[in-house]
Protein backbone atom coordinates (compact mmCIF):
# COMPACT_ATOMS: atom_id res chain seq x y z
CA MET A 1 101.50 95.59 77.86
CA LEU A 2 97.70 95.19 77.82
CA ALA A 3 96.11 94.71 74.43
CA GLU A 4 93.76 97.47 73.25
CA ASP A 5 90.69 95.20 73.33
CA ALA A 6 91.50 94.27 76.92
CA LEU A 7 92.15 97.86 77.96
CA VAL A 8 88.74 99.26 76.93
CA PRO A 9 86.63 96.85 79.04
CA SER A 10 88.95 97.53 81.98
CA TRP A 11 88.35 101.26 81.70
CA ARG A 12 84.61 100.76 81.39
CA SER A 13 84.54 98.52 84.46
CA PHE A 14 86.71 101.02 86.30
CA VAL A 15 84.21 103.83 85.59
CA VAL A 16 81.32 101.69 86.82
CA ALA A 17 83.16 100.85 90.04
CA GLY A 18 83.95 104.53 90.63
CA ALA A 19 80.34 105.54 90.06
CA VAL A 20 79.10 103.00 92.61
CA LEU A 21 81.61 104.30 95.17
CA ALA A 22 80.56 107.91 94.60
CA VAL A 23 76.84 107.13 94.90
CA ILE A 24 77.06 105.23 98.18
CA GLN A 25 79.61 107.59 99.71
CA ILE A 26 77.51 110.70 99.16
CA GLY A 27 74.91 109.10 101.43
CA PHE A 28 77.58 108.54 104.06
CA TYR A 29 78.86 112.11 103.84
CA LEU A 30 75.38 113.66 103.95
CA THR A 31 75.23 112.78 107.64
CA ALA A 32 78.88 113.49 108.53
CA ALA A 33 78.82 117.23 109.32
CA ALA A 34 75.22 117.31 110.58
CA LEU A 35 75.73 114.42 113.01
CA PRO A 36 77.34 116.52 115.81
CA LEU A 37 74.34 118.87 115.73
CA TYR A 38 71.90 115.95 115.65
CA LEU A 39 73.60 114.36 118.67
CA ARG A 40 73.67 117.66 120.59
CA ASP A 41 69.98 118.24 119.84
CA HIS A 42 69.22 114.82 121.32
CA GLY A 43 71.04 115.41 124.60
CA ALA A 44 74.62 114.30 123.98
CA PRO A 45 77.14 116.24 126.14
CA GLU A 46 79.57 118.33 124.11
CA ALA A 47 82.65 116.56 125.48
CA ARG A 48 81.28 113.17 124.39
CA ILE A 49 80.38 114.12 120.83
CA GLY A 50 83.94 113.58 119.63
CA PHE A 51 83.71 109.99 120.88
CA ASP A 52 80.22 109.44 119.47
CA VAL A 53 81.18 110.69 116.01
CA GLY A 54 84.60 109.06 116.11
CA LEU A 55 83.18 105.66 117.06
CA GLY A 56 82.25 105.17 113.43
CA SER A 57 85.93 105.41 112.59
CA LEU A 58 86.91 103.10 115.45
CA SER A 59 84.55 100.39 114.27
CA GLY A 60 86.15 100.66 110.85
CA VAL A 61 89.59 100.21 112.36
CA ALA A 62 88.40 97.18 114.32
CA LEU A 63 87.36 95.49 111.08
CA VAL A 64 90.50 96.33 109.12
CA LEU A 65 92.35 93.13 110.02
CA LEU A 66 89.34 91.05 109.00
CA ALA A 67 88.31 93.04 105.92
CA GLY A 68 91.66 92.93 104.13
CA PRO A 69 92.15 89.14 104.13
CA ALA A 70 88.44 88.65 103.31
CA ILE A 71 88.76 90.91 100.24
CA ASN A 72 91.89 88.99 99.23
CA ARG A 73 90.00 85.69 99.44
CA TYR A 74 86.49 86.52 98.18
CA GLY A 75 87.05 89.51 95.91
CA PRO A 76 86.00 93.16 96.31
CA VAL A 77 82.52 93.26 94.71
CA LEU A 78 80.81 91.26 97.47
CA PHE A 79 82.03 93.69 100.13
CA LEU A 80 81.09 96.77 98.13
CA ARG A 81 77.53 95.44 98.09
CA LEU A 82 77.72 94.76 101.81
CA ALA A 83 78.85 98.35 102.47
CA ALA A 84 75.91 99.79 100.55
CA ALA A 85 73.48 97.63 102.54
CA VAL A 86 75.06 98.70 105.83
CA TYR A 87 74.81 102.40 104.91
CA LEU A 88 71.13 101.93 104.13
CA ILE A 89 70.38 100.27 107.48
CA ALA A 90 72.42 102.83 109.46
CA SER A 91 70.72 105.86 107.87
CA LEU A 92 67.26 104.53 108.60
CA GLY A 93 68.27 103.50 112.12
CA MET A 94 69.56 106.96 113.07
CA LEU A 95 66.30 108.48 111.88
CA LEU A 96 63.93 106.00 113.52
CA VAL A 97 65.68 105.68 116.90
CA PRO A 98 66.89 109.23 117.74
CA GLN A 99 68.71 108.65 121.06
CA GLU A 100 72.39 109.18 121.74
CA VAL A 101 73.19 105.51 122.35
CA SER A 102 71.36 104.28 119.27
CA ILE A 103 72.64 107.09 117.05
CA THR A 104 76.18 106.26 118.14
CA ALA A 105 75.59 102.54 117.53
CA PHE A 106 74.32 103.16 114.00
CA ARG A 107 77.26 105.50 113.40
CA ALA A 108 79.51 102.59 114.38
CA LEU A 109 77.63 100.43 111.88
CA GLN A 110 78.29 103.07 109.21
CA GLY A 111 81.96 102.84 110.08
CA SER A 112 81.94 99.09 109.48
CA GLY A 113 80.59 99.81 106.00
CA MET A 114 83.35 102.36 105.42
CA ALA A 115 85.89 99.71 106.47
CA VAL A 116 85.05 97.68 103.35
CA ALA A 117 83.62 100.23 100.87
CA ILE A 118 86.79 102.16 100.06
CA PRO A 119 89.36 99.31 100.21
CA SER A 120 87.07 97.11 98.10
CA THR A 121 86.80 99.79 95.40
CA TYR A 122 90.51 100.61 95.56
CA THR A 123 91.41 96.93 95.28
CA LEU A 124 89.13 96.53 92.25
CA GLY A 125 90.48 99.71 90.66
CA ALA A 126 94.11 98.67 91.04
CA GLN A 127 93.26 95.28 89.51
CA LEU A 128 91.57 96.91 86.53
CA LEU A 129 94.44 99.36 85.83
CA PRO A 130 97.49 97.38 87.00
CA ARG A 131 100.10 99.46 85.16
CA ARG A 132 99.03 102.73 86.78
CA PRO A 133 97.85 101.87 90.30
CA ALA A 134 98.43 105.30 91.86
CA THR A 135 96.58 106.96 88.96
CA ALA A 136 93.67 104.53 89.43
CA LEU A 137 93.58 105.23 93.16
CA GLY A 138 93.80 108.96 92.51
CA MET A 139 90.79 108.82 90.21
CA LEU A 140 88.74 106.80 92.68
CA GLY A 141 89.83 109.11 95.47
CA ALA A 142 88.69 112.07 93.38
CA LEU A 143 85.23 110.54 93.02
CA ASN A 144 85.11 109.95 96.76
CA SER A 145 86.18 113.56 97.27
CA LEU A 146 83.41 114.73 94.95
CA ALA A 147 80.91 112.98 97.23
CA LEU A 148 82.63 114.57 100.23
CA ALA A 149 82.40 118.00 98.61
CA ALA A 150 78.67 117.70 98.03
CA GLY A 151 77.58 115.72 101.08
CA PRO A 152 78.38 117.80 104.21
CA PRO A 153 77.00 121.20 103.08
CA ILE A 154 73.89 119.61 101.60
CA GLY A 155 73.39 117.52 104.74
CA LEU A 156 73.79 120.52 107.02
CA GLN A 157 71.36 122.55 104.97
CA LEU A 158 68.81 119.73 104.92
CA TYR A 159 69.02 119.23 108.68
CA VAL A 160 69.19 122.88 109.78
CA GLY A 161 66.78 124.21 107.16
CA ARG A 162 64.38 121.26 107.09
CA SER A 163 64.46 118.33 109.50
CA ALA A 164 66.11 115.00 110.30
CA VAL A 165 63.74 113.27 107.87
CA TRP A 166 65.11 115.40 105.03
CA LEU A 167 68.65 114.41 106.06
CA PHE A 168 68.41 110.67 106.61
CA LEU A 169 65.92 109.62 103.94
CA PRO A 170 68.09 110.97 101.08
CA ALA A 171 71.09 109.26 102.70
CA ALA A 172 69.19 105.98 102.75
CA ALA A 173 68.00 106.49 99.17
CA THR A 174 71.51 106.99 97.81
CA ALA A 175 72.68 103.85 99.62
CA ALA A 176 69.80 101.91 98.07
CA LEU A 177 70.67 103.28 94.63
CA GLY A 178 74.30 102.25 95.06
CA LEU A 179 73.29 98.79 96.21
CA GLY A 180 71.17 98.35 93.11
CA ALA A 181 73.98 99.59 90.88
CA THR A 182 76.39 96.92 92.13
CA VAL A 183 74.59 94.37 89.94
CA ILE A 184 76.29 95.86 86.86
CA LEU A 185 79.77 95.66 88.36
CA PRO A 186 82.06 93.23 86.56
CA ARG A 187 82.66 89.88 88.18
CA HIS A 188 86.30 90.17 89.13
CA GLU A 189 87.86 87.01 90.46
CA PRO A 190 89.87 87.14 93.69
CA SER A 191 93.51 86.15 93.73
CA PRO A 192 93.88 82.40 93.05
CA GLU A 193 96.49 82.27 95.82
CA PRO A 194 95.57 84.85 98.51
CA ALA A 195 98.23 85.61 101.08
CA SER A 196 98.24 83.39 104.13
CA GLY A 197 97.23 84.92 107.46
CA LEU A 198 96.69 88.67 107.39
CA GLY A 199 99.00 89.29 104.44
CA PHE A 200 100.76 92.16 106.24
CA ASP A 201 104.05 93.49 104.86
CA LEU A 202 106.42 95.43 107.14
CA SER A 203 107.35 97.74 104.27
CA TRP A 204 103.88 99.32 104.63
CA LEU A 205 104.56 100.52 108.18
CA PRO A 206 105.98 104.02 107.49
CA SER A 207 103.12 104.81 105.11
CA ILE A 208 100.46 103.63 107.56
CA LEU A 209 101.90 105.43 110.60
CA GLY A 210 102.55 108.61 108.62
CA ASN A 211 99.00 108.56 107.29
CA MET A 212 97.55 108.20 110.80
CA LEU A 213 99.48 111.17 112.14
CA PHE A 214 98.79 113.34 109.11
CA ALA A 215 95.03 112.69 109.12
CA ALA A 216 94.44 113.07 112.87
CA ASN A 217 93.67 116.79 112.51
CA PHE A 218 90.47 116.00 110.62
CA GLY A 219 88.94 114.07 113.54
CA GLY A 220 88.74 117.14 115.77
CA ILE A 221 87.61 119.40 112.94
CA LEU A 222 84.84 117.02 111.88
CA ALA A 223 83.50 116.61 115.42
CA TYR A 224 83.76 120.19 116.70
CA LEU A 225 83.88 122.73 113.87
CA PRO A 226 80.08 122.60 113.28
CA LEU A 227 79.43 123.11 117.01
CA TYR A 228 82.06 125.85 117.31
CA LEU A 229 80.58 127.81 114.42
CA ARG A 230 77.03 127.43 115.69
CA GLN A 231 78.07 128.78 119.11
CA LEU A 232 79.63 131.82 117.41
CA HIS A 233 76.67 132.21 115.04
CA GLY A 234 79.31 131.95 112.34
CA PRO A 235 79.19 130.70 108.74
CA ASN A 236 78.00 127.22 107.79
CA ALA A 237 80.72 124.64 108.49
CA GLY A 238 79.87 123.11 105.13
CA ILE A 239 81.94 125.90 103.53
CA PHE A 240 85.09 124.42 105.05
CA PHE A 241 84.20 120.82 104.19
CA THR A 242 83.37 121.73 100.60
CA ALA A 243 86.61 123.69 100.13
CA ASP A 244 88.54 120.80 101.71
CA ALA A 245 86.91 118.22 99.45
CA LEU A 246 87.39 120.31 96.32
CA GLY A 247 91.05 120.71 97.23
CA VAL A 248 91.40 116.95 97.52
CA LEU A 249 89.47 116.47 94.28
CA LEU A 250 91.76 118.86 92.43
CA LEU A 251 94.95 117.01 93.34
CA ARG A 252 94.09 113.30 93.51
CA VAL A 253 94.46 112.43 89.81
CA PRO A 254 97.59 114.50 88.97
CA THR A 255 99.23 113.33 92.19
CA GLY A 256 98.53 109.71 91.27
CA MET A 257 100.11 110.21 87.85
CA LEU A 258 103.10 111.95 89.44
CA ALA A 259 103.56 109.20 92.03
CA ASP A 260 103.38 106.48 89.36
CA ARG A 261 106.16 108.14 87.40
CA TYR A 262 108.49 109.64 90.02
CA GLY A 263 107.53 108.20 93.40
CA SER A 264 105.56 109.63 96.29
CA PHE A 265 108.11 111.41 98.47
CA LEU A 266 107.74 114.88 96.95
CA PRO A 267 103.90 114.83 96.82
CA LYS A 268 103.73 113.76 100.46
CA LEU A 269 106.23 116.40 101.55
CA ILE A 270 104.47 119.19 99.65
CA GLY A 271 101.13 117.99 101.00
CA LEU A 272 102.41 118.29 104.53
CA VAL A 273 103.75 121.80 103.90
CA VAL A 274 100.49 122.99 102.30
CA THR A 275 98.33 121.59 105.11
CA LEU A 276 99.99 123.63 107.86
CA PRO A 277 98.89 127.11 106.65
CA GLY A 278 95.41 125.67 106.05
CA LEU A 279 95.25 124.65 109.69
CA ALA A 280 96.70 128.01 110.74
CA ALA A 281 93.74 129.77 109.07
CA LEU A 282 91.46 128.04 111.60
CA PHE A 283 93.06 130.12 114.37
CA LEU A 284 91.49 133.21 112.81
CA ARG A 285 87.99 134.42 113.58
CA PRO A 286 85.69 132.37 111.35
CA SER A 287 84.44 133.94 108.14
CA VAL A 288 83.63 132.65 104.70
CA ALA A 289 87.11 133.68 103.52
CA THR A 290 89.02 132.01 106.38
CA LEU A 291 86.98 128.80 106.04
CA VAL A 292 87.66 128.67 102.29
CA VAL A 293 91.40 129.23 102.82
CA ALA A 294 91.54 126.65 105.61
CA GLY A 295 89.57 124.05 103.66
CA ALA A 296 91.56 124.60 100.48
CA GLY A 297 94.85 124.21 102.38
CA THR A 298 93.90 121.04 104.21
CA GLY A 299 92.22 119.61 101.11
CA VAL A 300 95.07 120.24 98.68
CA GLY A 301 97.49 118.90 101.27
CA ALA A 302 95.43 115.76 101.79
CA GLY A 303 95.07 115.22 98.05
CA LEU A 304 98.85 115.17 97.71
CA PHE A 305 99.68 113.23 100.87
CA ILE A 306 97.02 110.51 100.94
CA THR A 307 97.29 109.70 97.24
CA GLY A 308 101.03 109.25 97.71
CA VAL A 309 100.41 106.91 100.65
CA LEU A 310 97.92 104.77 98.71
CA GLY A 311 100.27 104.64 95.73
CA ASP A 312 103.02 103.33 98.01
CA LEU A 313 100.74 100.66 99.48
CA SER A 314 99.56 99.54 96.05
CA ARG A 315 103.09 99.39 94.65
CA ARG A 316 104.36 97.40 97.65
CA SER A 317 101.52 94.86 97.52
CA THR A 318 100.48 92.12 95.10
CA GLU A 319 97.23 90.53 93.97
CA ALA A 320 97.60 88.15 96.92
CA ASN A 321 97.57 90.84 99.65
CA ARG A 322 96.38 94.11 98.04
CA GLY A 323 93.06 93.91 99.89
CA THR A 324 94.98 93.98 103.16
CA ALA A 325 97.08 96.94 102.00
CA MET A 326 94.05 98.97 100.92
CA SER A 327 92.17 98.09 104.13
CA LEU A 328 95.07 99.24 106.26
CA GLY A 329 95.39 102.43 104.23
CA SER A 330 91.71 103.21 104.76
CA GLY A 331 91.81 101.97 108.36
CA SER A 332 94.75 104.18 109.26
CA PHE A 333 92.72 107.19 108.16
CA SER A 334 89.69 106.02 110.15
CA GLY A 335 91.82 105.38 113.22
CA ALA A 336 93.25 108.87 112.95
CA ILE A 337 89.74 110.37 112.78
CA PHE A 338 88.73 108.49 115.92
CA ALA A 339 91.86 109.41 117.86
CA GLY A 340 91.65 113.06 116.79
CA GLY A 341 88.01 113.26 117.86
CA ILE A 342 88.64 111.63 121.25
CA VAL A 343 91.59 113.85 122.15
CA SER A 344 89.75 116.92 120.89
CA GLY A 345 86.83 116.07 123.18
CA LEU A 346 89.23 116.20 126.12
CA LEU A 347 90.67 119.54 124.97
CA ILE A 348 87.58 121.48 123.92
CA GLY A 349 86.20 122.09 127.42
CA PRO A 350 89.27 123.34 129.31
CA TYR A 351 91.25 124.83 126.42
CA GLY A 352 88.80 125.71 123.65
CA TRP A 353 88.86 125.49 119.89
CA ASN A 354 92.46 126.66 119.39
CA ALA A 355 93.75 123.63 121.29
CA ILE A 356 92.12 121.37 118.67
CA VAL A 357 93.86 123.28 115.89
CA TRP A 358 97.22 123.05 117.71
CA LEU A 359 96.70 119.30 118.04
CA GLY A 360 96.30 119.07 114.27
CA VAL A 361 99.43 121.10 113.64
CA MET A 362 101.51 118.91 115.97
CA THR A 363 100.30 115.60 114.54
CA CYS A 364 100.99 116.81 111.00
CA LEU A 365 104.54 117.74 111.95
CA ALA A 366 104.95 114.36 113.66
CA SER A 367 104.23 112.61 110.34
CA LEU A 368 107.39 114.06 108.71
CA PRO A 369 109.85 111.44 110.08
CA PHE A 370 107.66 108.69 108.63
CA VAL A 371 107.66 110.38 105.23
CA VAL A 372 111.47 110.36 105.32
CA TRP A 373 111.57 106.77 106.60
CA GLY A 374 109.28 105.65 103.77
CA GLN A 375 111.49 107.36 101.20
CA ARG A 376 114.59 105.48 102.38
CA SER A 377 112.95 102.12 101.62
CA ALA A 378 110.83 103.18 98.64
CA PRO A 379 110.63 100.87 95.61
CA THR A 380 111.73 102.30 92.28
CA PRO A 381 108.74 103.58 90.27
CA PRO A 382 108.24 101.99 86.86
CA SER A 383 109.51 104.00 83.93
């Protein structure tokens, strides 16, 4: 058991790490919901926007296999600083070179920052609170969700009500602030014996595959809900994204505590069940009420499911390969966003918005066998 004098500095360092994550991520999320409109206003065809937006997720997936072992070897703080610098460059680039190809390229650069920002912070958090890894990850996830709750509606309002300058300069400023704040992060040494090779463990497979299928619905929603609502002259899409993020925020910490004590099977199963009616609300004609119900359902479901997945990955990894586990957890989400956006781009033209919602329903249901598979090989939670 950790001594009291060792526990307090760990909690303080944990709070600092979480604050840095929240600051840099709000800059990332400011551009997320407004980016489809920005691309469309600069000539991008509707069917290609899912690819353009999703490319940021694909670039993150491409770096997963490199980021995890690098975090294992060099420690997480270096890569958290790198992520903040990348966000700063990408925000300024999208503002200064407003063409589809360049916007998409800088979005891909943002994705490379995402590939290291979240796993670096999660790795550091699990190191600082080793007896309660799922609780630590739930708290950090809640801070990330707080940034997600604030970012999209503010970004949409800044872009629609003001201009691109008002969108991208604040995004760049928050990245710069986060980069400066990394100097007060504790120096946390990497594992003295990092895992050889990639450090991959086959026991992670059901969690990773289940996470990809569960999260795929968000790729289509992120890419096409803002466009769909603008075509209908409907409510601001930020209402959905805020409700979703607040739902995630509400459940991340209690789910982490629950998973630490009893395991993750029940949270993941309930999360899946709650997500389905949230998606079903998107079939209805958009209104403030339906967007709130839909966002709350998908957000609460994600808060339960994803925290359970990250708790599994943390519990099944060690100091030697936890960076790889956290990178794959984050990368599986990014890969799902990219795949969901690409497939949705193929569906939106011939079949319309409802086809995107049906895609999300089917991928969520397809994650259930992997939840069951993961339960059959689950480690026993500590008492």
